[in-house]
């Protein structure tokens, strides 16, 4: 029978795995970086992709997200 420490450890491991999976860089099947905004579908400018390779939205859509308070996917 598992004790409280074992249960806590399992919860922490699941939370960490989920967090890491959410924050991986977006990669296509071919291995190239995603270049289209996940909100509007337009191409994310090269300068933005270089400055923030983890970005999944264009600057306009990211501004709207931040204005709405939606910082997470």
N, C-alpha and C. Protein backbone atom coordinates (compact mmCIF):
# COMPACT_ATOMS: atom_id res chain seq x y z
N UNK A 1 0.85 -1.18 0.00
CA UNK A 1 0.00 0.00 0.00
C UNK A 1 0.89 1.25 0.00
N UNK A 2 0.53 2.19 -0.87
CA UNK A 2 1.33 3.41 -1.00
C UNK A 2 1.01 4.37 0.14
N UNK A 3 2.04 5.07 0.59
CA UNK A 3 1.81 6.06 1.64
C UNK A 3 1.67 7.45 1.02
N UNK A 4 1.49 8.44 1.85
CA UNK A 4 1.27 9.81 1.39
C UNK A 4 2.45 10.32 0.57
N UNK A 5 3.67 10.01 0.97
CA UNK A 5 4.86 10.48 0.25
C UNK A 5 4.92 9.87 -1.15
N UNK A 6 4.56 8.58 -1.27
CA UNK A 6 4.54 7.94 -2.59
C UNK A 6 3.50 8.60 -3.50
N UNK A 7 2.32 8.84 -2.96
CA UNK A 7 1.26 9.49 -3.74
C UNK A 7 1.67 10.89 -4.17
N UNK A 8 2.28 11.63 -3.27
CA UNK A 8 2.74 12.98 -3.59
C UNK A 8 3.80 12.94 -4.69
N UNK A 9 4.71 11.99 -4.61
CA UNK A 9 5.75 11.85 -5.62
C UNK A 9 5.17 11.55 -7.00
N UNK A 10 4.16 10.70 -7.05
CA UNK A 10 3.51 10.38 -8.32
C UNK A 10 2.79 11.59 -8.90
N UNK A 11 2.15 12.35 -8.05
CA UNK A 11 1.45 13.56 -8.51
C UNK A 11 2.46 14.56 -9.06
N UNK A 12 3.57 14.73 -8.38
CA UNK A 12 4.60 15.67 -8.84
C UNK A 12 5.17 15.22 -10.17
N UNK A 13 5.44 13.93 -10.32
CA UNK A 13 5.99 13.41 -11.58
C UNK A 13 5.01 13.62 -12.73
N UNK A 14 3.73 13.36 -12.52
CA UNK A 14 2.73 13.56 -13.57
C UNK A 14 2.63 15.04 -13.94
N UNK A 15 2.64 15.91 -12.94
CA UNK A 15 2.56 17.34 -13.20
C UNK A 15 3.78 17.82 -13.99
N UNK A 16 4.95 17.36 -13.61
CA UNK A 16 6.18 17.75 -14.32
C UNK A 16 6.16 17.26 -15.76
N UNK A 17 5.75 16.00 -15.97
CA UNK A 17 5.70 15.45 -17.33
C UNK A 17 4.71 16.23 -18.18
N UNK A 18 3.56 16.57 -17.61
CA UNK A 18 2.56 17.34 -18.34
C UNK A 18 3.09 18.74 -18.68
N UNK A 19 3.74 19.39 -17.74
CA UNK A 19 4.29 20.73 -17.97
C UNK A 19 5.36 20.71 -19.05
N UNK A 20 6.23 19.72 -19.01
CA UNK A 20 7.28 19.63 -20.02
C UNK A 20 6.70 19.36 -21.39
N UNK A 21 5.68 18.52 -21.47
CA UNK A 21 5.06 18.22 -22.76
C UNK A 21 4.39 19.46 -23.35
N UNK A 22 3.77 20.28 -22.50
CA UNK A 22 3.11 21.50 -22.98
C UNK A 22 4.10 22.54 -23.48
N UNK A 23 5.31 22.54 -22.96
CA UNK A 23 6.26 23.59 -23.29
C UNK A 23 7.33 23.19 -24.29
N UNK A 24 7.13 22.07 -24.96
CA UNK A 24 8.09 21.69 -25.99
C UNK A 24 7.93 22.60 -27.20
N UNK A 25 8.99 22.78 -27.94
CA UNK A 25 8.92 23.61 -29.14
C UNK A 25 8.03 22.94 -30.16
N UNK A 26 7.19 23.69 -30.87
CA UNK A 26 6.32 23.10 -31.88
C UNK A 26 7.15 22.62 -33.07
N UNK A 27 7.01 21.35 -33.41
CA UNK A 27 7.78 20.76 -34.50
C UNK A 27 6.82 19.99 -35.40
N UNK A 28 7.00 20.13 -36.71
CA UNK A 28 6.17 19.39 -37.65
C UNK A 28 6.69 17.97 -37.76
N UNK A 29 5.98 17.15 -38.50
CA UNK A 29 6.37 15.76 -38.68
C UNK A 29 7.73 15.67 -39.37
N UNK A 30 7.98 16.57 -40.30
CA UNK A 30 9.24 16.56 -41.04
C UNK A 30 10.41 17.09 -40.20
N UNK A 31 10.13 17.66 -39.04
CA UNK A 31 11.20 18.16 -38.19
C UNK A 31 11.45 19.65 -38.30
N UNK A 32 10.76 20.30 -39.21
CA UNK A 32 10.93 21.75 -39.37
C UNK A 32 10.02 22.47 -38.39
N UNK A 33 10.41 23.67 -38.01
CA UNK A 33 9.60 24.44 -37.08
C UNK A 33 8.29 24.87 -37.74
N UNK A 34 7.23 24.91 -36.94
CA UNK A 34 5.95 25.42 -37.43
C UNK A 34 6.14 26.89 -37.78
N UNK A 35 5.59 27.32 -38.89
CA UNK A 35 5.75 28.72 -39.26
C UNK A 35 4.41 29.44 -39.36
N UNK A 36 3.30 28.74 -39.17
CA UNK A 36 1.99 29.37 -39.24
C UNK A 36 1.42 29.59 -37.85
N UNK A 37 0.77 30.72 -37.67
CA UNK A 37 0.12 31.08 -36.41
C UNK A 37 -1.00 30.08 -36.12
N UNK A 38 -1.07 29.58 -34.90
CA UNK A 38 -2.11 28.62 -34.57
C UNK A 38 -3.48 29.28 -34.41
N UNK A 39 -3.52 30.60 -34.32
CA UNK A 39 -4.79 31.32 -34.18
C UNK A 39 -5.36 31.71 -35.54
N UNK A 40 -4.58 32.43 -36.34
CA UNK A 40 -5.11 32.98 -37.59
C UNK A 40 -4.59 32.27 -38.84
N UNK A 41 -3.53 31.48 -38.71
CA UNK A 41 -3.02 30.72 -39.84
C UNK A 41 -2.03 31.46 -40.73
N UNK A 42 -1.77 32.74 -40.44
CA UNK A 42 -0.79 33.47 -41.24
C UNK A 42 0.62 33.06 -40.82
N UNK A 43 1.56 33.32 -41.69
CA UNK A 43 2.95 32.96 -41.40
C UNK A 43 3.50 33.83 -40.28
N UNK A 44 4.18 33.20 -39.32
CA UNK A 44 4.85 33.93 -38.25
C UNK A 44 6.14 34.50 -38.85
N UNK A 45 6.36 35.80 -38.74
CA UNK A 45 7.55 36.41 -39.34
C UNK A 45 8.85 35.75 -38.86
N UNK A 46 9.81 35.68 -39.77
CA UNK A 46 11.09 35.03 -39.47
C UNK A 46 11.78 35.67 -38.26
N UNK A 47 11.73 36.99 -38.16
CA UNK A 47 12.37 37.68 -37.03
C UNK A 47 11.76 37.22 -35.70
N UNK A 48 10.42 37.04 -35.67
CA UNK A 48 9.77 36.57 -34.44
C UNK A 48 10.17 35.12 -34.15
N UNK A 49 10.23 34.29 -35.17
CA UNK A 49 10.63 32.88 -34.96
C UNK A 49 12.05 32.78 -34.44
N UNK A 50 12.92 33.69 -34.89
CA UNK A 50 14.30 33.67 -34.41
C UNK A 50 14.40 34.20 -32.98
N UNK A 51 13.64 35.25 -32.68
CA UNK A 51 13.69 35.85 -31.35
C UNK A 51 12.99 34.98 -30.31
N UNK A 52 11.91 34.33 -30.71
CA UNK A 52 11.12 33.50 -29.80
C UNK A 52 10.73 32.21 -30.51
N UNK A 53 11.65 31.26 -30.61
CA UNK A 53 11.38 30.03 -31.37
C UNK A 53 10.24 29.20 -30.81
N UNK A 54 9.84 29.46 -29.57
CA UNK A 54 8.73 28.72 -28.97
C UNK A 54 7.38 29.33 -29.33
N UNK A 55 7.37 30.50 -29.97
CA UNK A 55 6.13 31.20 -30.28
C UNK A 55 5.28 30.37 -31.24
N UNK A 56 3.99 30.27 -30.94
CA UNK A 56 3.06 29.54 -31.79
C UNK A 56 2.03 30.47 -32.41
N UNK A 57 2.15 31.77 -32.10
CA UNK A 57 1.23 32.76 -32.65
C UNK A 57 2.00 33.94 -33.22
N UNK A 58 1.36 34.64 -34.14
CA UNK A 58 1.96 35.87 -34.67
C UNK A 58 1.87 36.96 -33.60
N UNK A 59 2.52 38.06 -33.83
CA UNK A 59 2.55 39.14 -32.84
C UNK A 59 1.15 39.69 -32.58
N UNK A 60 0.34 39.86 -33.64
CA UNK A 60 -1.01 40.40 -33.46
C UNK A 60 -1.86 39.48 -32.59
N UNK A 61 -1.85 38.19 -32.89
CA UNK A 61 -2.66 37.23 -32.12
C UNK A 61 -2.15 37.11 -30.68
N UNK A 62 -0.84 37.17 -30.51
CA UNK A 62 -0.29 37.11 -29.15
C UNK A 62 -0.71 38.35 -28.35
N UNK A 63 -0.74 39.50 -29.00
CA UNK A 63 -1.19 40.72 -28.33
C UNK A 63 -2.64 40.60 -27.88
N UNK A 64 -3.46 40.01 -28.73
CA UNK A 64 -4.88 39.80 -28.38
C UNK A 64 -4.99 38.84 -27.21
N UNK A 65 -4.22 37.75 -27.24
CA UNK A 65 -4.22 36.79 -26.12
C UNK A 65 -3.87 37.46 -24.81
N UNK A 66 -2.82 38.26 -24.84
CA UNK A 66 -2.37 38.93 -23.63
C UNK A 66 -3.39 39.94 -23.14
N UNK A 67 -4.04 40.62 -24.07
CA UNK A 67 -5.07 41.59 -23.68
C UNK A 67 -6.25 40.89 -23.01
N UNK A 68 -6.54 39.68 -23.45
CA UNK A 68 -7.64 38.90 -22.88
C UNK A 68 -7.23 38.18 -21.60
N UNK A 69 -5.91 38.14 -21.36
CA UNK A 69 -5.43 37.44 -20.18
C UNK A 69 -5.26 35.95 -20.40
N UNK A 70 -5.24 35.52 -21.64
CA UNK A 70 -5.07 34.11 -21.99
C UNK A 70 -3.62 33.84 -22.34
N UNK A 71 -2.77 33.65 -21.40
CA UNK A 71 -1.35 33.44 -21.66
C UNK A 71 -1.01 32.00 -21.94
N UNK A 72 -1.89 31.08 -21.63
CA UNK A 72 -1.60 29.65 -21.83
C UNK A 72 -2.42 29.10 -22.97
N UNK A 73 -1.94 28.02 -23.55
CA UNK A 73 -2.64 27.39 -24.65
C UNK A 73 -3.74 26.51 -24.15
